[in-house]
């Protein structure tokens, strides 16, 4: 008689979703050939939330997908509750999939007595029971060090670059960084688009006023060029529309705006409609509803990238290859959201 019970080699993959943006989770599950694990979730009269998974998750590798969209604090809390429920249900591993990570802009102190809220959010996920984090285009890559565990930091760059390469004439293109902090990303864009010229906008930000920055000038040649401005997010669109104005005043032939996260808060849509950009290219890491879309805006699906990342993690494969592009079976998916 054996004295040690050998572990069976069967592993189970489960995808669960919160209520913030279930359409994205369903698209990810479809790419993986799975169904979303059924969940019971509702709010009590006083705003407290209840979550229960209606099927066993014992021994499963579970990926909890939740986009931190408006109301952001509610959906972060719901995801934490889901992770706690999975931990208490004996899931084998728990990966928090955050297409857009809330509070990622608050990654350092600008003034005394300020919080570093991005670190707090990572700590909350670790305390809740997340073994690893998967996210897309953090505001600052070094935020990965805030989490005491593995962070799979995916980038939407391959999806966005494929679209630009197939829909833009590159011979006259200049890649533009909207500020000094995005120069490294813009350099990678320029290199991947056959070493296009690079420029950046000298911008200062008033740290006492949210969503406010002022452009002072441009370093690089943009006159007569088709400029592609690359940023991580568009929130109220004030600063990015100011960048369009500065570039057009400097003689740019056209301006295309590219960003991973289209938050589009407050006056963003009206500003983008009237800013004079030729096209605004986003991904759907957060929902972009029909009422916020207009001619000249393109929204690309992030689901194939998340699905490829989840599959790589589940199969104990590297996710580094996703920096160069999607696997062939995911690339064939519908690119539009």
C-alpha atoms as a PDB file:
ATOM      1  CA  UNK A   1       0.000   0.000   0.000  1.00  0.00           C
ATOM      2  CA  UNK A   2       1.302   3.449  -0.946  1.00  0.00           C
ATOM      3  CA  UNK A   3       2.209   5.781   1.886  1.00  0.00           C
ATOM      4  CA  UNK A   4       2.064   8.940  -0.250  1.00  0.00           C
ATOM      5  CA  UNK A   5      -0.913   9.959  -2.346  1.00  0.00           C
ATOM      6  CA  UNK A   6       0.344  11.276  -5.668  1.00  0.00           C
ATOM      7  CA  UNK A   7      -1.267  14.427  -6.997  1.00  0.00           C
ATOM      8  CA  UNK A   8      -3.316  13.930 -10.107  1.00  0.00           C
ATOM      9  CA  UNK A   9      -2.028  15.925 -13.103  1.00  0.00           C
ATOM     10  CA  UNK A  10      -5.430  17.388 -13.928  1.00  0.00           C
ATOM     11  CA  UNK A  11      -5.579  21.190 -13.576  1.00  0.00           C
ATOM     12  CA  UNK A  12      -8.664  23.331 -13.866  1.00  0.00           C
ATOM     13  CA  UNK A  13      -8.857  26.836 -15.331  1.00  0.00           C
ATOM     14  CA  UNK A  14     -11.738  29.102 -14.330  1.00  0.00           C
ATOM     15  CA  UNK A  15     -12.557  32.668 -15.383  1.00  0.00           C
ATOM     16  CA  UNK A  16     -14.840  34.769 -13.194  1.00  0.00           C
ATOM     17  CA  UNK A  17     -16.028  38.312 -13.680  1.00  0.00           C
ATOM     18  CA  UNK A  18     -17.295  41.164 -11.602  1.00  0.00           C
ATOM     19  CA  UNK A  19     -20.189  43.368 -12.630  1.00  0.00           C
ATOM     20  CA  UNK A  20     -18.160  46.364 -13.796  1.00  0.00           C
ATOM     21  CA  UNK A  21     -17.640  45.240 -17.393  1.00  0.00           C
ATOM     22  CA  UNK A  22     -18.823  41.636 -17.950  1.00  0.00           C
ATOM     23  CA  UNK A  23     -18.806  42.061 -21.742  1.00  0.00           C
ATOM     24  CA  UNK A  24     -14.997  42.177 -21.765  1.00  0.00           C
ATOM     25  CA  UNK A  25     -14.746  39.090 -19.546  1.00  0.00           C
ATOM     26  CA  UNK A  26     -17.118  37.206 -21.837  1.00  0.00           C
ATOM     27  CA  UNK A  27     -14.991  38.149 -24.849  1.00  0.00           C
ATOM     28  CA  UNK A  28     -11.865  36.899 -23.035  1.00  0.00           C
ATOM     29  CA  UNK A  29     -13.569  33.611 -22.116  1.00  0.00           C
ATOM     30  CA  UNK A  30     -14.723  33.175 -25.721  1.00  0.00           C
ATOM     31  CA  UNK A  31     -11.129  33.553 -26.926  1.00  0.00           C
ATOM     32  CA  UNK A  32     -10.157  30.806 -24.479  1.00  0.00           C
ATOM     33  CA  UNK A  33     -13.046  28.561 -25.482  1.00  0.00           C
ATOM     34  CA  UNK A  34     -14.551  28.735 -21.985  1.00  0.00           C
ATOM     35  CA  UNK A  35     -17.716  29.848 -20.243  1.00  0.00           C
ATOM     36  CA  UNK A  36     -17.651  32.338 -17.384  1.00  0.00           C
ATOM     37  CA  UNK A  37     -18.053  30.633 -14.001  1.00  0.00           C
ATOM     38  CA  UNK A  38     -21.576  31.498 -12.743  1.00  0.00           C
ATOM     39  CA  UNK A  39     -21.645  33.987  -9.884  1.00  0.00           C
ATOM     40  CA  UNK A  40     -24.347  35.352  -7.618  1.00  0.00           C
ATOM     41  CA  UNK A  41     -23.701  39.013  -6.833  1.00  0.00           C
ATOM     42  CA  UNK A  42     -25.946  41.765  -5.530  1.00  0.00           C
ATOM     43  CA  UNK A  43     -26.020  44.897  -3.388  1.00  0.00           C
ATOM     44  CA  UNK A  44     -27.693  45.261  -0.018  1.00  0.00           C
ATOM     45  CA  UNK A  45     -29.874  48.287   0.630  1.00  0.00           C
ATOM     46  CA  UNK A  46     -27.035  50.107   2.395  1.00  0.00           C
ATOM     47  CA  UNK A  47     -24.574  49.549  -0.479  1.00  0.00           C
ATOM     48  CA  UNK A  48     -22.743  46.496   0.875  1.00  0.00           C
ATOM     49  CA  UNK A  49     -22.039  43.788  -1.695  1.00  0.00           C
ATOM     50  CA  UNK A  50     -22.517  40.020  -1.636  1.00  0.00           C
ATOM     51  CA  UNK A  51     -20.700  37.541  -3.895  1.00  0.00           C
ATOM     52  CA  UNK A  52     -20.938  33.749  -4.099  1.00  0.00           C
ATOM     53  CA  UNK A  53     -19.694  31.350  -6.776  1.00  0.00           C
ATOM     54  CA  UNK A  54     -22.373  28.826  -7.646  1.00  0.00           C
ATOM     55  CA  UNK A  55     -19.943  26.040  -8.615  1.00  0.00           C
ATOM     56  CA  UNK A  56     -16.959  24.553  -6.732  1.00  0.00           C
ATOM     57  CA  UNK A  57     -13.552  26.160  -7.370  1.00  0.00           C
ATOM     58  CA  UNK A  58     -11.493  23.897  -5.090  1.00  0.00           C
ATOM     59  CA  UNK A  59      -8.127  23.219  -6.724  1.00  0.00           C
ATOM     60  CA  UNK A  60      -8.815  25.511  -9.695  1.00  0.00           C
ATOM     61  CA  UNK A  61      -6.572  28.231 -11.097  1.00  0.00           C
ATOM     62  CA  UNK A  62      -8.989  31.149 -11.084  1.00  0.00           C
ATOM     63  CA  UNK A  63      -8.635  34.421 -13.003  1.00  0.00           C
ATOM     64  CA  UNK A  64     -10.776  37.239 -11.605  1.00  0.00           C
ATOM     65  CA  UNK A  65     -11.415  39.876 -14.280  1.00  0.00           C
ATOM     66  CA  UNK A  66     -12.592  43.334 -13.263  1.00  0.00           C
ATOM     67  CA  UNK A  67     -12.045  46.682 -14.990  1.00  0.00           C
ATOM     68  CA  UNK A  68     -11.797  49.556 -12.536  1.00  0.00           C
ATOM     69  CA  UNK A  69     -14.268  51.837 -14.223  1.00  0.00           C
ATOM     70  CA  UNK A  70     -16.815  54.265 -12.782  1.00  0.00           C
ATOM     71  CA  UNK A  71     -17.818  53.922  -9.912  1.00  0.00           C
ATOM     72  CA  UNK A  72     -14.234  52.860  -9.392  1.00  0.00           C
ATOM     73  CA  UNK A  73     -14.250  52.328  -5.626  1.00  0.00           C
ATOM     74  CA  UNK A  74     -17.256  50.014  -5.788  1.00  0.00           C
ATOM     75  CA  UNK A  75     -15.712  47.766  -8.417  1.00  0.00           C
ATOM     76  CA  UNK A  76     -12.360  47.542  -6.644  1.00  0.00           C
ATOM     77  CA  UNK A  77     -14.188  46.490  -3.476  1.00  0.00           C
ATOM     78  CA  UNK A  78     -16.254  43.902  -5.350  1.00  0.00           C
ATOM     79  CA  UNK A  79     -13.114  42.355  -6.817  1.00  0.00           C
ATOM     80  CA  UNK A  80     -11.522  42.168  -3.369  1.00  0.00           C
ATOM     81  CA  UNK A  81     -14.623  40.388  -2.044  1.00  0.00           C
ATOM     82  CA  UNK A  82     -14.511  37.932  -4.963  1.00  0.00           C
ATOM     83  CA  UNK A  83     -10.866  37.134  -4.239  1.00  0.00           C
ATOM     84  CA  UNK A  84     -11.620  36.585  -0.554  1.00  0.00           C
ATOM     85  CA  UNK A  85     -14.469  34.218  -1.458  1.00  0.00           C
ATOM     86  CA  UNK A  86     -12.173  32.243  -3.768  1.00  0.00           C
ATOM     87  CA  UNK A  87      -9.472  31.970  -1.112  1.00  0.00           C
ATOM     88  CA  UNK A  88     -11.995  30.612   1.397  1.00  0.00           C
ATOM     89  CA  UNK A  89     -13.293  28.188  -1.253  1.00  0.00           C
ATOM     90  CA  UNK A  90      -9.810  26.640  -1.610  1.00  0.00           C
ATOM     91  CA  UNK A  91      -8.938  27.829  -5.100  1.00  0.00           C
ATOM     92  CA  UNK A  92      -5.486  26.537  -6.074  1.00  0.00           C
ATOM     93  CA  UNK A  93      -4.325  29.958  -7.288  1.00  0.00           C
ATOM     94  CA  UNK A  94      -5.977  33.357  -7.712  1.00  0.00           C
ATOM     95  CA  UNK A  95      -4.925  35.878 -10.349  1.00  0.00           C
ATOM     96  CA  UNK A  96      -6.495  39.335 -10.266  1.00  0.00           C
ATOM     97  CA  UNK A  97      -6.849  40.488 -13.876  1.00  0.00           C
ATOM     98  CA  UNK A  98      -7.036  44.279 -13.969  1.00  0.00           C
ATOM     99  CA  UNK A  99      -7.292  45.553 -17.562  1.00  0.00           C
ATOM    100  CA  UNK A 100      -7.189  49.056 -16.059  1.00  0.00           C
ATOM    101  CA  UNK A 101      -5.806  49.429 -12.544  1.00  0.00           C
ATOM    102  CA  UNK A 102      -7.513  52.129 -10.516  1.00  0.00           C
ATOM    103  CA  UNK A 103      -5.327  54.701  -8.730  1.00  0.00           C
ATOM    104  CA  UNK A 104      -2.267  53.853 -10.842  1.00  0.00           C
ATOM    105  CA  UNK A 105      -1.578  57.567 -11.354  1.00  0.00           C
ATOM    106  CA  UNK A 106      -0.975  57.996  -7.623  1.00  0.00           C
ATOM    107  CA  UNK A 107       2.345  56.157  -7.689  1.00  0.00           C
ATOM    108  CA  UNK A 108       4.524  58.692  -5.825  1.00  0.00           C
ATOM    109  CA  UNK A 109       4.411  61.696  -3.523  1.00  0.00           C
ATOM    110  CA  UNK A 110       4.512  65.129  -5.145  1.00  0.00           C
ATOM    111  CA  UNK A 111       3.979  67.026  -1.888  1.00  0.00           C
ATOM    112  CA  UNK A 112       4.209  66.328   1.810  1.00  0.00           C
ATOM    113  CA  UNK A 113       1.382  64.415   3.540  1.00  0.00           C
ATOM    114  CA  UNK A 114       0.193  62.770   0.298  1.00  0.00           C
ATOM    115  CA  UNK A 115      -0.617  59.048   0.029  1.00  0.00           C
ATOM    116  CA  UNK A 116       0.893  56.606  -2.438  1.00  0.00           C
ATOM    117  CA  UNK A 117      -2.469  55.100  -3.263  1.00  0.00           C
ATOM    118  CA  UNK A 118      -1.241  52.772  -5.998  1.00  0.00           C
ATOM    119  CA  UNK A 119       0.817  50.939  -3.360  1.00  0.00           C
ATOM    120  CA  UNK A 120      -2.228  50.753  -1.081  1.00  0.00           C
ATOM    121  CA  UNK A 121      -4.331  49.158  -3.830  1.00  0.00           C
ATOM    122  CA  UNK A 122      -1.693  46.497  -4.490  1.00  0.00           C
ATOM    123  CA  UNK A 123      -1.504  45.796  -0.743  1.00  0.00           C
ATOM    124  CA  UNK A 124      -5.280  45.356  -0.613  1.00  0.00           C
ATOM    125  CA  UNK A 125      -5.203  42.740  -3.361  1.00  0.00           C
ATOM    126  CA  UNK A 126      -2.399  40.846  -1.649  1.00  0.00           C
ATOM    127  CA  UNK A 127      -4.220  40.897   1.680  1.00  0.00           C
ATOM    128  CA  UNK A 128      -7.459  39.719   0.045  1.00  0.00           C
ATOM    129  CA  UNK A 129      -5.644  36.641  -1.265  1.00  0.00           C
ATOM    130  CA  UNK A 130      -4.444  37.374  -4.812  1.00  0.00           C
ATOM    131  CA  UNK A 131      -1.364  35.312  -5.707  1.00  0.00           C
ATOM    132  CA  UNK A 132      -0.538  37.370  -8.777  1.00  0.00           C
ATOM    133  CA  UNK A 133      -1.678  40.423 -10.701  1.00  0.00           C
ATOM    134  CA  UNK A 134      -2.209  40.756 -14.447  1.00  0.00           C
ATOM    135  CA  UNK A 135      -2.694  44.248 -15.809  1.00  0.00           C
ATOM    136  CA  UNK A 136      -2.254  46.314 -18.959  1.00  0.00           C
ATOM    137  CA  UNK A 137      -0.069  49.421 -19.374  1.00  0.00           C
ATOM    138  CA  UNK A 138       0.429  50.704 -15.858  1.00  0.00           C
ATOM    139  CA  UNK A 139       0.905  54.436 -15.552  1.00  0.00           C
ATOM    140  CA  UNK A 140       4.475  53.699 -14.435  1.00  0.00           C
ATOM    141  CA  UNK A 141       6.122  50.309 -14.947  1.00  0.00           C
ATOM    142  CA  UNK A 142       7.929  50.439 -11.610  1.00  0.00           C
ATOM    143  CA  UNK A 143       4.579  50.062  -9.840  1.00  0.00           C
ATOM    144  CA  UNK A 144       5.071  46.320 -10.319  1.00  0.00           C
ATOM    145  CA  UNK A 145       7.363  46.521  -7.309  1.00  0.00           C
ATOM    146  CA  UNK A 146       4.432  47.544  -5.100  1.00  0.00           C
ATOM    147  CA  UNK A 147       3.032  43.993  -5.177  1.00  0.00           C
ATOM    148  CA  UNK A 148       4.598  41.256  -3.062  1.00  0.00           C
ATOM    149  CA  UNK A 149       4.111  38.612  -5.721  1.00  0.00           C
ATOM    150  CA  UNK A 150       4.174  38.159  -9.485  1.00  0.00           C
ATOM    151  CA  UNK A 151       2.903  40.962 -11.721  1.00  0.00           C
ATOM    152  CA  UNK A 152       2.280  40.162 -15.385  1.00  0.00           C
ATOM    153  CA  UNK A 153       2.509  43.598 -16.965  1.00  0.00           C
ATOM    154  CA  UNK A 154       1.002  43.312 -20.436  1.00  0.00           C
ATOM    155  CA  UNK A 155       1.091  46.067 -22.996  1.00  0.00           C
ATOM    156  CA  UNK A 156      -1.437  46.961 -25.667  1.00  0.00           C
ATOM    157  CA  UNK A 157       1.371  48.219 -27.903  1.00  0.00           C
ATOM    158  CA  UNK A 158       1.322  45.233 -30.335  1.00  0.00           C
ATOM    159  CA  UNK A 159      -2.432  45.596 -30.892  1.00  0.00           C
ATOM    160  CA  UNK A 160      -2.212  49.357 -31.387  1.00  0.00           C
ATOM    161  CA  UNK A 161       0.893  49.199 -33.588  1.00  0.00           C
ATOM    162  CA  UNK A 162      -0.647  46.544 -35.848  1.00  0.00           C
ATOM    163  CA  UNK A 163      -3.642  48.801 -36.395  1.00  0.00           C
ATOM    164  CA  UNK A 164      -1.492  51.879 -37.078  1.00  0.00           C
ATOM    165  CA  UNK A 165       0.776  49.962 -39.450  1.00  0.00           C
ATOM    166  CA  UNK A 166      -2.211  48.697 -41.455  1.00  0.00           C
ATOM    167  CA  UNK A 167      -4.233  51.926 -41.487  1.00  0.00           C
ATOM    168  CA  UNK A 168      -1.698  54.753 -41.643  1.00  0.00           C
ATOM    169  CA  UNK A 169       0.833  55.774 -44.286  1.00  0.00           C
ATOM    170  CA  UNK A 170       4.084  55.598 -42.327  1.00  0.00           C
ATOM    171  CA  UNK A 171       6.404  57.417 -44.723  1.00  0.00           C
ATOM    172  CA  UNK A 172       5.647  60.839 -43.226  1.00  0.00           C
ATOM    173  CA  UNK A 173       4.967  59.798 -39.605  1.00  0.00           C
ATOM    174  CA  UNK A 174       6.581  61.265 -36.487  1.00  0.00           C
ATOM    175  CA  UNK A 175       5.918  59.621 -33.114  1.00  0.00           C
ATOM    176  CA  UNK A 176       5.208  62.219 -30.422  1.00  0.00           C
ATOM    177  CA  UNK A 177       5.490  61.745 -26.679  1.00  0.00           C
ATOM    178  CA  UNK A 178       2.943  63.959 -24.882  1.00  0.00           C
ATOM    179  CA  UNK A 179       5.392  64.558 -22.011  1.00  0.00           C
ATOM    180  CA  UNK A 180       8.853  63.573 -20.809  1.00  0.00           C
ATOM    181  CA  UNK A 181       7.499  60.625 -18.824  1.00  0.00           C
ATOM    182  CA  UNK A 182       6.333  58.811 -21.967  1.00  0.00           C
ATOM    183  CA  UNK A 183       9.571  59.148 -23.954  1.00  0.00           C
ATOM    184  CA  UNK A 184      10.688  55.542 -23.386  1.00  0.00           C
ATOM    185  CA  UNK A 185       7.361  54.190 -24.635  1.00  0.00           C
ATOM    186  CA  UNK A 186       7.437  56.545 -27.634  1.00  0.00           C
ATOM    187  CA  UNK A 187      10.969  55.384 -28.451  1.00  0.00           C
ATOM    188  CA  UNK A 188       9.725  51.780 -28.589  1.00  0.00           C
ATOM    189  CA  UNK A 189       6.887  52.855 -30.857  1.00  0.00           C
ATOM    190  CA  UNK A 190       9.291  54.677 -33.161  1.00  0.00           C
ATOM    191  CA  UNK A 191      11.605  51.644 -33.310  1.00  0.00           C
ATOM    192  CA  UNK A 192       8.792  49.199 -34.073  1.00  0.00           C
ATOM    193  CA  UNK A 193       7.471  51.440 -36.851  1.00  0.00           C
ATOM    194  CA  UNK A 194      10.724  51.227 -38.818  1.00  0.00           C
ATOM    195  CA  UNK A 195      12.595  53.853 -36.793  1.00  0.00           C
ATOM    196  CA  UNK A 196      10.227  56.758 -37.343  1.00  0.00           C
ATOM    197  CA  UNK A 197      11.390  60.215 -36.154  1.00  0.00           C
ATOM    198  CA  UNK A 198      10.588  61.128 -32.556  1.00  0.00           C
ATOM    199  CA  UNK A 199       9.437  64.344 -30.893  1.00  0.00           C
ATOM    200  CA  UNK A 200       8.115  65.240 -27.474  1.00  0.00           C
ATOM    201  CA  UNK A 201       6.074  68.019 -25.955  1.00  0.00           C
ATOM    202  CA  UNK A 202       7.570  69.935 -23.064  1.00  0.00           C
ATOM    203  CA  UNK A 203       4.738  70.044 -20.552  1.00  0.00           C
ATOM    204  CA  UNK A 204       4.385  71.101 -16.946  1.00  0.00           C
ATOM    205  CA  UNK A 205       1.693  69.850 -14.586  1.00  0.00           C
ATOM    206  CA  UNK A 206       0.084  71.783 -11.733  1.00  0.00           C
ATOM    207  CA  UNK A 207       0.213  69.197  -8.928  1.00  0.00           C
ATOM    208  CA  UNK A 208      -2.454  71.096  -6.974  1.00  0.00           C
ATOM    209  CA  UNK A 209      -5.022  70.772  -9.797  1.00  0.00           C
ATOM    210  CA  UNK A 210      -6.159  67.371 -11.086  1.00  0.00           C
ATOM    211  CA  UNK A 211      -6.276  66.726 -14.847  1.00  0.00           C
ATOM    212  CA  UNK A 212      -4.447  69.943 -15.635  1.00  0.00           C
ATOM    213  CA  UNK A 213      -1.204  70.434 -17.537  1.00  0.00           C
ATOM    214  CA  UNK A 214       0.232  73.141 -19.756  1.00  0.00           C
ATOM    215  CA  UNK A 215       2.318  72.601 -22.904  1.00  0.00           C
ATOM    216  CA  UNK A 216       5.271  74.953 -23.396  1.00  0.00           C
ATOM    217  CA  UNK A 217       6.881  73.777 -26.619  1.00  0.00           C
ATOM    218  CA  UNK A 218       8.005  70.909 -28.831  1.00  0.00           C
ATOM    219  CA  UNK A 219      11.396  69.247 -29.066  1.00  0.00           C
ATOM    220  CA  UNK A 220      11.740  67.645 -32.478  1.00  0.00           C
ATOM    221  CA  UNK A 221      10.577  68.344 -36.013  1.00  0.00           C
ATOM    222  CA  UNK A 222       6.816  68.130 -36.584  1.00  0.00           C
ATOM    223  CA  UNK A 223       6.134  70.710 -39.331  1.00  0.00           C
ATOM    224  CA  UNK A 224       4.507  69.034 -42.319  1.00  0.00           C
ATOM    225  CA  UNK A 225       4.514  65.664 -40.544  1.00  0.00           C
ATOM    226  CA  UNK A 226       1.743  63.189 -39.719  1.00  0.00           C
ATOM    227  CA  UNK A 227       2.101  63.083 -35.942  1.00  0.00           C
ATOM    228  CA  UNK A 228       1.033  60.120 -33.796  1.00  0.00           C
ATOM    229  CA  UNK A 229       0.720  61.033 -30.109  1.00  0.00           C
ATOM    230  CA  UNK A 230       1.088  57.994 -27.816  1.00  0.00           C
ATOM    231  CA  UNK A 231      -0.219  58.054 -24.226  1.00  0.00           C
ATOM    232  CA  UNK A 232      -1.358  55.536 -21.624  1.00  0.00           C
ATOM    233  CA  UNK A 233      -4.792  57.024 -20.923  1.00  0.00           C
ATOM    234  CA  UNK A 234      -7.217  59.741 -21.921  1.00  0.00           C
ATOM    235  CA  UNK A 235      -9.256  60.913 -18.945  1.00  0.00           C
ATOM    236  CA  UNK A 236     -10.824  64.357 -19.348  1.00  0.00           C
ATOM    237  CA  UNK A 237      -8.773  64.865 -22.562  1.00  0.00           C
ATOM    238  CA  UNK A 238      -7.718  68.396 -21.609  1.00  0.00           C
ATOM    239  CA  UNK A 239      -3.976  67.811 -21.831  1.00  0.00           C
ATOM    240  CA  UNK A 240      -4.093  65.570 -24.908  1.00  0.00           C
ATOM    241  CA  UNK A 241      -6.251  68.087 -26.773  1.00  0.00           C
ATOM    242  CA  UNK A 242      -3.793  70.812 -25.788  1.00  0.00           C
ATOM    243  CA  UNK A 243      -1.080  68.658 -27.351  1.00  0.00           C
ATOM    244  CA  UNK A 244      -3.067  68.528 -30.606  1.00  0.00           C
ATOM    245  CA  UNK A 245      -3.365  72.322 -30.573  1.00  0.00           C
ATOM    246  CA  UNK A 246       0.365  72.777 -29.976  1.00  0.00           C
ATOM    247  CA  UNK A 247       1.268  70.363 -32.773  1.00  0.00           C
ATOM    248  CA  UNK A 248      -1.115  71.962 -35.265  1.00  0.00           C
ATOM    249  CA  UNK A 249       0.223  75.427 -34.391  1.00  0.00           C
ATOM    250  CA  UNK A 250       3.729  74.068 -35.038  1.00  0.00           C
ATOM    251  CA  UNK A 251       2.694  73.066 -38.560  1.00  0.00           C
ATOM    252  CA  UNK A 252       1.848  69.385 -38.163  1.00  0.00           C
ATOM    253  CA  UNK A 253       0.044  68.039 -41.218  1.00  0.00           C
ATOM    254  CA  UNK A 254      -2.198  65.770 -39.120  1.00  0.00           C
ATOM    255  CA  UNK A 255      -2.440  64.438 -35.572  1.00  0.00           C
ATOM    256  CA  UNK A 256      -3.560  60.954 -34.522  1.00  0.00           C
ATOM    257  CA  UNK A 257      -4.106  60.193 -30.835  1.00  0.00           C
ATOM    258  CA  UNK A 258      -3.387  56.701 -29.476  1.00  0.00           C
ATOM    259  CA  UNK A 259      -4.047  55.557 -25.898  1.00  0.00           C
ATOM    260  CA  UNK A 260      -4.603  52.249 -24.128  1.00  0.00           C
ATOM    261  CA  UNK A 261      -7.204  53.378 -21.584  1.00  0.00           C
ATOM    262  CA  UNK A 262     -10.095  55.515 -22.826  1.00  0.00           C
ATOM    263  CA  UNK A 263     -11.541  56.722 -19.521  1.00  0.00           C
ATOM    264  CA  UNK A 264     -13.297  59.631 -21.276  1.00  0.00           C
ATOM    265  CA  UNK A 265     -14.498  61.378 -18.126  1.00  0.00           C
ATOM    266  CA  UNK A 266     -16.558  64.578 -17.997  1.00  0.00           C
ATOM    267  CA  UNK A 267     -15.994  66.805 -21.048  1.00  0.00           C
ATOM    268  CA  UNK A 268     -13.605  64.388 -22.775  1.00  0.00           C
ATOM    269  CA  UNK A 269     -15.848  63.407 -25.685  1.00  0.00           C
ATOM    270  CA  UNK A 270     -16.754  66.978 -26.646  1.00  0.00           C
ATOM    271  CA  UNK A 271     -13.120  68.017 -26.391  1.00  0.00           C
ATOM    272  CA  UNK A 272     -11.974  65.157 -28.592  1.00  0.00           C
ATOM    273  CA  UNK A 273     -14.664  65.838 -31.189  1.00  0.00           C
ATOM    274  CA  UNK A 274     -13.510  69.428 -31.600  1.00  0.00           C
ATOM    275  CA  UNK A 275      -9.751  69.090 -31.072  1.00  0.00           C
ATOM    276  CA  UNK A 276      -8.869  68.592 -34.731  1.00  0.00           C
ATOM    277  CA  UNK A 277      -7.297  65.126 -34.431  1.00  0.00           C
ATOM    278  CA  UNK A 278      -7.604  62.954 -37.516  1.00  0.00           C
ATOM    279  CA  UNK A 279      -8.341  59.805 -35.487  1.00  0.00           C
ATOM    280  CA  UNK A 280      -8.498  58.710 -31.837  1.00  0.00           C
ATOM    281  CA  UNK A 281      -7.446  55.076 -31.314  1.00  0.00           C
ATOM    282  CA  UNK A 282      -8.238  53.363 -27.994  1.00  0.00           C
ATOM    283  CA  UNK A 283      -8.632  49.882 -26.549  1.00  0.00           C
ATOM    284  CA  UNK A 284     -11.546  48.664 -24.457  1.00  0.00           C
ATOM    285  CA  UNK A 285      -9.743  48.069 -21.141  1.00  0.00           C
ATOM    286  CA  UNK A 286     -12.656  50.082 -19.765  1.00  0.00           C
ATOM    287  CA  UNK A 287     -16.078  50.248 -21.425  1.00  0.00           C
ATOM    288  CA  UNK A 288     -16.500  52.836 -24.163  1.00  0.00           C
ATOM    289  CA  UNK A 289     -20.300  52.973 -24.554  1.00  0.00           C
ATOM    290  CA  UNK A 290     -22.009  53.907 -27.798  1.00  0.00           C
ATOM    291  CA  UNK A 291     -22.903  57.389 -26.553  1.00  0.00           C
ATOM    292  CA  UNK A 292     -19.199  58.208 -26.150  1.00  0.00           C
ATOM    293  CA  UNK A 293     -18.214  57.014 -29.625  1.00  0.00           C
ATOM    294  CA  UNK A 294     -18.159  59.180 -32.722  1.00  0.00           C
ATOM    295  CA  UNK A 295     -16.792  59.231 -36.258  1.00  0.00           C
ATOM    296  CA  UNK A 296     -13.037  59.340 -36.037  1.00  0.00           C
ATOM    297  CA  UNK A 297     -12.811  57.172 -32.895  1.00  0.00           C
ATOM    298  CA  UNK A 298     -11.619  53.573 -33.203  1.00  0.00           C
ATOM    299  CA  UNK A 299     -11.882  51.144 -30.271  1.00  0.00           C
ATOM    300  CA  UNK A 300      -9.806  47.955 -30.462  1.00  0.00           C
ATOM    301  CA  UNK A 301     -10.490  44.809 -28.437  1.00  0.00           C
ATOM    302  CA  UNK A 302      -8.070  44.000 -25.619  1.00  0.00           C
ATOM    303  CA  UNK A 303      -9.695  40.575 -25.083  1.00  0.00           C
ATOM    304  CA  UNK A 304      -7.258  38.556 -27.276  1.00  0.00           C
ATOM    305  CA  UNK A 305      -4.279  39.987 -25.359  1.00  0.00           C
ATOM    306  CA  UNK A 306      -5.805  39.170 -21.964  1.00  0.00           C
ATOM    307  CA  UNK A 307      -6.779  35.690 -23.160  1.00  0.00           C
ATOM    308  CA  UNK A 308      -3.255  35.036 -24.430  1.00  0.00           C
ATOM    309  CA  UNK A 309      -1.835  36.224 -21.107  1.00  0.00           C
ATOM    310  CA  UNK A 310      -4.193  34.037 -19.081  1.00  0.00           C
ATOM    311  CA  UNK A 311      -3.383  31.003 -21.216  1.00  0.00           C
ATOM    312  CA  UNK A 312       0.359  31.578 -20.864  1.00  0.00           C
ATOM    313  CA  UNK A 313       0.112  31.860 -17.086  1.00  0.00           C
ATOM    314  CA  UNK A 314      -2.082  28.766 -16.792  1.00  0.00           C
ATOM    315  CA  UNK A 315       0.302  26.748 -18.972  1.00  0.00           C
ATOM    316  CA  UNK A 316       3.338  28.061 -17.021  1.00  0.00           C
ATOM    317  CA  UNK A 317       4.617  29.704 -20.185  1.00  0.00           C
ATOM    318  CA  UNK A 318       6.345  33.060 -20.478  1.00  0.00           C
ATOM    319  CA  UNK A 319       4.263  36.160 -21.218  1.00  0.00           C
ATOM    320  CA  UNK A 320       7.286  38.048 -22.568  1.00  0.00           C
ATOM    321  CA  UNK A 321       6.558  36.892 -26.116  1.00  0.00           C
ATOM    322  CA  UNK A 322       3.341  38.930 -26.005  1.00  0.00           C
ATOM    323  CA  UNK A 323       5.458  42.081 -26.146  1.00  0.00           C
ATOM    324  CA  UNK A 324       6.196  41.217 -29.766  1.00  0.00           C
ATOM    325  CA  UNK A 325       2.635  40.436 -30.778  1.00  0.00           C
ATOM    326  CA  UNK A 326      -0.314  38.136 -30.289  1.00  0.00           C
ATOM    327  CA  UNK A 327      -0.169  34.385 -30.988  1.00  0.00           C
ATOM    328  CA  UNK A 328      -1.493  33.504 -34.413  1.00  0.00           C
ATOM    329  CA  UNK A 329      -4.735  31.996 -33.095  1.00  0.00           C
ATOM    330  CA  UNK A 330      -5.510  35.151 -31.108  1.00  0.00           C
ATOM    331  CA  UNK A 331      -4.453  37.499 -33.914  1.00  0.00           C
ATOM    332  CA  UNK A 332      -7.211  36.091 -36.076  1.00  0.00           C
ATOM    333  CA  UNK A 333      -9.873  37.368 -33.652  1.00  0.00           C
ATOM    334  CA  UNK A 334     -11.997  40.420 -34.395  1.00  0.00           C
ATOM    335  CA  UNK A 335      -9.809  43.421 -33.598  1.00  0.00           C
ATOM    336  CA  UNK A 336     -12.661  45.843 -32.953  1.00  0.00           C
ATOM    337  CA  UNK A 337     -14.559  46.191 -29.690  1.00  0.00           C
END
